[in-house]
Amino acid sequence: MPLPAIPRRVQIGDAAAFAGTTPRAVRHYHAIGLLAEPERGSDGRRRYVYDDMVRLLWIRRMADAGIPLDDIRAGFEGTTGIEQSLARLEESLVSKAAAIEAQRAAVRRLREMGSPLGLLSPLVSDRLRDLPPGSLGRADLDALLVTERVFGSLGAALQVGRFIVLATHPELRAEEDRLAEAEAALGDTMSPDDPRVEDLAAQRCAHETALGTAIDRSGLDEALNVLLEQEDEHAGEGEGEVGLSPVEAVGKMPYDFSPARVRYEERVIELLHSADRDGDTPRTC
């Protein structure tokens, strides 16, 4: 059987197709000095010979292995050992593999628990696993998400006790919702010195006291102690890509609080601290 016609030179389209790439990629290799630009024929088109094709094949094999083009060029030029590039590449692949496995775990949790609960860290969502569906409001989940970002997964896990009690004590849930509605009504038209600000702060303090008592009676303290023992193991979980201290994170989280609302929040803290010093306020999470 006779051989097909064997060209002595081929054009860029045939060269790219043989190497499994595109003419655009070949032109880029020329532009960065990775592949010498061949002579052009009388028609002004590039013509590639056997040695060009071999070089192009090696470039493609190394690029497919993930070696950066700059490292490929340096390796051809003998200015650096390819081993250095491979070491960097292996570190990168290990990191990517860990990230992919973390994403797969997140997907599994989302399929198992649903969104948005499955998007919280395992340390947080596992404590909420046994609650009846719909026990947590969207505001509760939002609060856990913000706490996890500011204080990490441990901080949010410590806060979970509050939401477990709210989910299992209808009277406390109703009072929490009533107070939240009243707090939202502290608008810009209300003076910070309005007596209603002080009255509402006292109501919130009493509610937090009742919540703390319910948490203490629920036996959740034992679970909290276990979490505290795990602090080192889970430190840093739930943090974003950009590392921020809690103070820095709080300073970047906007709250559209009116002057009356700001004064209200200050009074709640003052009242809780005062009651805590007197030993009247159980810890709330």
Protein backbone atom coordinates (compact mmCIF):
# COMPACT_ATOMS: atom_id res chain seq x y z
CA MET A 1 0.00 0.00 0.00
CA PRO A 2 1.61 3.28 -1.03
CA LEU A 3 2.22 5.95 1.60
CA PRO A 4 0.13 9.12 1.45
CA ALA A 5 1.84 12.22 0.17
CA ILE A 6 4.24 13.41 2.86
CA PRO A 7 4.67 17.19 2.97
CA ARG A 8 8.07 18.67 3.71
CA ARG A 9 6.44 21.69 5.37
CA VAL A 10 2.95 22.37 6.73
CA GLN A 11 0.94 25.47 7.47
CA ILE A 12 -0.04 26.65 10.95
CA GLY A 13 -3.51 25.08 10.85
CA ASP A 14 -2.12 21.62 10.14
CA ALA A 15 0.66 22.07 12.71
CA ALA A 16 -1.84 23.08 15.40
CA ALA A 17 -4.20 20.23 14.56
CA PHE A 18 -1.38 17.67 14.71
CA ALA A 19 -0.24 18.94 18.13
CA GLY A 20 -3.81 19.06 19.47
CA THR A 21 -3.96 22.80 19.92
CA THR A 22 -5.14 25.89 18.04
CA PRO A 23 -3.44 28.31 15.64
CA ARG A 24 -4.05 31.03 18.20
CA ALA A 25 -2.08 29.11 20.83
CA VAL A 26 0.77 28.49 18.37
CA ARG A 27 0.92 32.22 17.59
CA HIS A 28 1.08 32.89 21.33
CA TYR A 29 4.03 30.51 21.65
CA HIS A 30 5.76 32.54 18.94
CA ALA A 31 4.95 35.82 20.71
CA ILE A 32 6.49 34.74 24.02
CA GLY A 33 9.54 33.15 22.45
CA LEU A 34 8.58 29.60 23.33
CA LEU A 35 8.50 28.43 19.72
CA ALA A 36 10.69 30.06 17.08
CA GLU A 37 8.68 31.56 14.27
CA PRO A 38 9.45 29.65 11.06
CA GLU A 39 10.19 31.10 7.68
CA ARG A 40 7.27 32.21 5.56
CA GLY A 41 6.63 31.02 2.05
CA SER A 42 6.18 33.17 -1.02
CA ASP A 43 2.51 33.57 -0.03
CA GLY A 44 3.49 35.08 3.33
CA ARG A 45 2.32 32.09 5.37
CA ARG A 46 4.35 30.24 7.98
CA ARG A 47 5.69 26.83 7.06
CA TYR A 48 6.58 24.32 9.81
CA VAL A 49 9.17 21.58 9.48
CA TYR A 50 9.73 18.36 11.44
CA ASP A 51 11.81 19.98 14.23
CA ASP A 52 9.14 22.66 14.75
CA MET A 53 6.51 19.97 15.13
CA VAL A 54 8.56 18.02 17.65
CA ARG A 55 9.10 21.16 19.75
CA LEU A 56 5.40 21.95 19.55
CA LEU A 57 4.49 18.45 20.70
CA TRP A 58 6.80 18.73 23.73
CA ILE A 59 5.30 22.12 24.59
CA ARG A 60 1.81 20.68 24.49
CA ARG A 61 2.71 17.66 26.64
CA MET A 62 4.28 19.87 29.30
CA ALA A 63 1.44 22.39 29.17
CA ASP A 64 -1.10 19.58 29.52
CA ALA A 65 0.78 18.43 32.63
CA GLY A 66 0.18 21.88 34.11
CA ILE A 67 3.68 23.32 33.75
CA PRO A 68 3.50 27.11 33.24
CA LEU A 69 4.63 28.37 29.85
CA ASP A 70 7.34 30.55 31.40
CA ASP A 71 8.81 27.48 33.11
CA ILE A 72 8.63 25.52 29.86
CA ARG A 73 10.56 28.26 28.09
CA ALA A 74 13.13 28.47 30.89
CA GLY A 75 13.55 24.71 30.77
CA PHE A 76 14.22 24.78 27.03
CA GLU A 77 16.69 27.61 27.52
CA GLY A 78 18.46 25.76 30.31
CA THR A 79 18.19 28.72 32.69
CA THR A 80 16.43 26.70 35.37
CA GLY A 81 15.87 23.08 36.21
CA ILE A 82 12.46 21.66 35.36
CA GLU A 83 12.51 19.96 38.78
CA GLN A 84 11.86 23.33 40.47
CA SER A 85 8.81 23.86 38.32
CA LEU A 86 7.58 20.34 39.02
CA ALA A 87 7.95 20.86 42.75
CA ARG A 88 5.90 24.04 42.57
CA LEU A 89 3.36 22.32 40.37
CA GLU A 90 3.00 19.42 42.78
CA GLU A 91 2.41 21.80 45.70
CA SER A 92 -0.21 23.60 43.65
CA LEU A 93 -1.94 20.36 42.72
CA VAL A 94 -2.00 19.18 46.33
CA SER A 95 -3.59 22.48 47.33
CA LYS A 96 -6.13 22.27 44.51
CA ALA A 97 -6.96 18.68 45.41
CA ALA A 98 -7.64 19.72 49.02
CA ALA A 99 -9.84 22.58 47.81
CA ILE A 100 -11.76 20.26 45.49
CA GLU A 101 -12.30 17.73 48.29
CA ALA A 102 -13.58 20.55 50.53
CA GLN A 103 -15.99 21.59 47.78
CA ARG A 104 -17.17 18.00 47.36
CA ALA A 105 -17.78 17.79 51.11
CA ALA A 106 -19.75 21.05 50.95
CA VAL A 107 -21.87 19.71 48.11
CA ARG A 108 -22.58 16.52 50.06
CA ARG A 109 -23.67 18.56 53.08
CA LEU A 110 -25.89 20.76 50.93
CA ARG A 111 -27.58 17.71 49.43
CA GLU A 112 -28.01 16.19 52.87
CA MET A 113 -29.09 19.24 54.88
CA GLY A 114 -30.29 21.68 52.23
CA SER A 115 -29.51 25.35 51.83
CA PRO A 116 -28.72 27.56 53.66
CA LEU A 117 -28.10 25.36 56.72
CA GLY A 118 -25.71 23.16 54.77
CA LEU A 119 -23.61 26.20 53.90
CA LEU A 120 -22.66 26.77 57.52
CA SER A 121 -19.64 24.97 58.90
CA PRO A 122 -20.14 21.37 60.10
CA LEU A 123 -19.41 22.44 63.66
CA VAL A 124 -22.44 24.74 63.51
CA SER A 125 -24.88 22.83 61.33
CA ASP A 126 -24.34 19.51 63.15
CA ARG A 127 -25.63 21.08 66.37
CA LEU A 128 -28.80 22.13 64.54
CA ARG A 129 -29.33 18.86 62.71
CA ASP A 130 -32.05 17.51 65.02
CA LEU A 131 -34.22 20.63 65.07
CA PRO A 132 -37.60 20.30 63.31
CA PRO A 133 -37.70 21.80 59.79
CA GLY A 134 -38.55 25.47 59.84
CA SER A 135 -37.46 25.93 63.46
CA LEU A 136 -34.90 28.52 62.44
CA GLY A 137 -35.95 31.75 60.83
CA ARG A 138 -33.96 33.40 58.08
CA ALA A 139 -32.79 36.07 60.53
CA ASP A 140 -31.44 33.30 62.80
CA LEU A 141 -29.44 31.76 59.97
CA ASP A 142 -28.23 35.21 58.90
CA ALA A 143 -27.01 35.87 62.44
CA LEU A 144 -25.14 32.56 62.53
CA LEU A 145 -23.52 33.30 59.18
CA VAL A 146 -22.31 36.72 60.34
CA THR A 147 -21.07 35.33 63.67
CA GLU A 148 -19.20 32.56 61.86
CA ARG A 149 -17.49 35.14 59.63
CA VAL A 150 -16.52 37.35 62.56
CA PHE A 151 -15.65 34.82 65.26
CA GLY A 152 -15.14 31.61 63.28
CA SER A 153 -17.13 28.39 63.46
CA LEU A 154 -16.53 27.97 67.17
CA GLY A 155 -18.04 31.36 67.93
CA ALA A 156 -21.10 30.52 65.85
CA ALA A 157 -21.37 27.06 67.43
CA LEU A 158 -21.44 28.70 70.85
CA GLN A 159 -24.30 30.89 69.64
CA VAL A 160 -26.29 27.86 68.49
CA GLY A 161 -27.53 27.23 72.03
CA ARG A 162 -29.54 30.42 71.82
CA PHE A 163 -31.33 29.32 68.67
CA ILE A 164 -31.97 25.81 69.97
CA VAL A 165 -33.73 27.30 72.99
CA LEU A 166 -35.72 29.70 70.82
CA ALA A 167 -36.75 26.82 68.57
CA THR A 168 -37.90 24.67 71.49
CA HIS A 169 -39.54 27.36 73.67
CA PRO A 170 -42.46 28.96 71.81
CA GLU A 171 -42.97 31.67 74.42
CA LEU A 172 -39.34 32.78 74.12
CA ARG A 173 -39.56 32.66 70.32
CA ALA A 174 -42.65 34.87 70.40
CA GLU A 175 -40.94 37.37 72.69
CA GLU A 176 -37.81 37.37 70.51
CA ASP A 177 -39.90 38.15 67.44
CA ARG A 178 -41.82 40.88 69.26
CA LEU A 179 -38.63 42.55 70.44
CA ALA A 180 -37.07 42.32 66.99
CA GLU A 181 -40.09 44.08 65.51
CA ALA A 182 -39.93 46.79 68.18
CA GLU A 183 -36.19 47.25 67.59
CA ALA A 184 -36.77 47.70 63.88
CA ALA A 185 -39.17 50.54 64.72
CA LEU A 186 -36.40 52.57 66.39
CA GLY A 187 -36.08 54.86 63.39
CA ASP A 188 -34.37 58.14 62.63
CA THR A 189 -37.40 60.14 63.77
CA MET A 190 -37.06 58.87 67.34
CA SER A 191 -34.79 60.70 69.75
CA PRO A 192 -32.11 58.64 71.51
CA ASP A 193 -33.47 60.12 74.76
CA ASP A 194 -37.00 58.88 74.10
CA PRO A 195 -38.20 56.94 77.20
CA ARG A 196 -39.27 54.08 74.90
CA VAL A 197 -35.60 53.39 74.16
CA GLU A 198 -34.84 52.77 77.82
CA ASP A 199 -38.02 50.75 78.30
CA LEU A 200 -37.30 48.50 75.34
CA ALA A 201 -33.69 48.00 76.48
CA ALA A 202 -34.98 46.82 79.87
CA GLN A 203 -37.34 44.40 78.11
CA ARG A 204 -34.48 43.04 76.01
CA CYS A 205 -32.33 42.59 79.13
CA ALA A 206 -35.15 40.66 80.84
CA HIS A 207 -35.57 38.50 77.73
CA GLU A 208 -31.85 37.74 77.58
CA THR A 209 -31.98 36.77 81.24
CA ALA A 210 -34.82 34.35 80.53
CA LEU A 211 -32.94 32.95 77.55
CA GLY A 212 -29.84 32.42 79.65
CA THR A 213 -31.83 30.59 82.30
CA ALA A 214 -33.39 28.32 79.66
CA ILE A 215 -30.00 27.56 78.16
CA ASP A 216 -28.59 26.65 81.56
CA ARG A 217 -31.54 24.37 82.31
CA SER A 218 -31.38 22.69 78.88
CA GLY A 219 -28.07 20.96 79.57
CA LEU A 220 -26.46 22.63 76.57
CA ASP A 221 -23.55 23.68 78.78
CA GLU A 222 -22.05 20.21 78.48
CA ALA A 223 -22.05 20.50 74.70
CA LEU A 224 -20.52 23.95 74.98
CA ASN A 225 -17.70 22.62 77.13
CA VAL A 226 -16.92 20.00 74.48
CA LEU A 227 -16.76 22.73 71.86
CA LEU A 228 -14.41 24.76 74.02
CA GLU A 229 -12.09 21.76 74.25
CA GLN A 230 -12.14 21.60 70.45
CA GLU A 231 -11.21 25.26 70.06
CA ASP A 232 -7.67 24.61 68.86
CA GLU A 233 -8.80 21.92 66.42
CA HIS A 234 -11.42 24.10 64.79
CA ALA A 235 -9.68 27.48 65.07
CA GLY A 236 -10.05 29.47 61.88
CA GLU A 237 -12.94 27.44 60.44
CA GLY A 238 -15.59 29.49 58.72
CA GLU A 239 -13.29 32.41 57.95
CA GLY A 240 -13.35 34.05 54.57
CA GLU A 241 -10.53 34.20 52.06
CA VAL A 242 -9.25 37.45 53.53
CA GLY A 243 -8.15 37.01 57.14
CA LEU A 244 -9.61 39.63 59.49
CA SER A 245 -9.55 39.93 63.23
CA PRO A 246 -12.97 40.07 64.90
CA VAL A 247 -12.56 43.80 65.52
CA GLU A 248 -11.64 44.41 61.89
CA ALA A 249 -14.52 42.27 60.67
CA VAL A 250 -17.05 44.07 62.87
CA GLY A 251 -15.73 47.39 61.56
CA LYS A 252 -16.44 46.31 57.98
CA MET A 253 -20.00 45.04 58.58
CA PRO A 254 -22.52 47.85 57.98
CA TYR A 255 -25.60 48.27 60.14
CA ASP A 256 -28.17 50.89 59.24
CA PHE A 257 -28.86 51.85 62.84
CA SER A 258 -30.57 55.10 63.75
CA PRO A 259 -29.19 57.15 66.67
CA ALA A 260 -32.04 55.77 68.80
CA ARG A 261 -31.11 52.21 67.85
CA VAL A 262 -27.45 52.83 68.64
CA ARG A 263 -28.37 54.20 72.05
CA TYR A 264 -30.67 51.22 72.60
CA GLU A 265 -27.89 48.74 71.83
CA GLU A 266 -25.56 50.57 74.20
CA ARG A 267 -28.14 50.48 77.00
CA VAL A 268 -28.79 46.76 76.51
CA ILE A 269 -25.07 46.05 76.90
CA GLU A 270 -24.85 48.29 79.97
CA LEU A 271 -27.88 46.65 81.60
CA LEU A 272 -26.62 43.14 80.89
CA HIS A 273 -23.18 43.94 82.26
CA SER A 274 -24.70 45.49 85.36
CA ALA A 275 -26.94 42.48 85.96
CA ASP A 276 -24.03 40.13 85.31
CA ARG A 277 -21.94 41.87 87.96
CA ASP A 278 -24.82 41.40 90.38
CA GLY A 279 -25.01 37.70 89.47
CA ASP A 280 -28.55 37.97 88.11
CA THR A 281 -27.97 37.24 84.45
CA PRO A 282 -27.09 33.72 83.25
CA ARG A 283 -24.83 33.55 80.25
CA THR A 284 -26.51 33.69 76.85
CA CYS A 285 -24.93 32.54 73.59
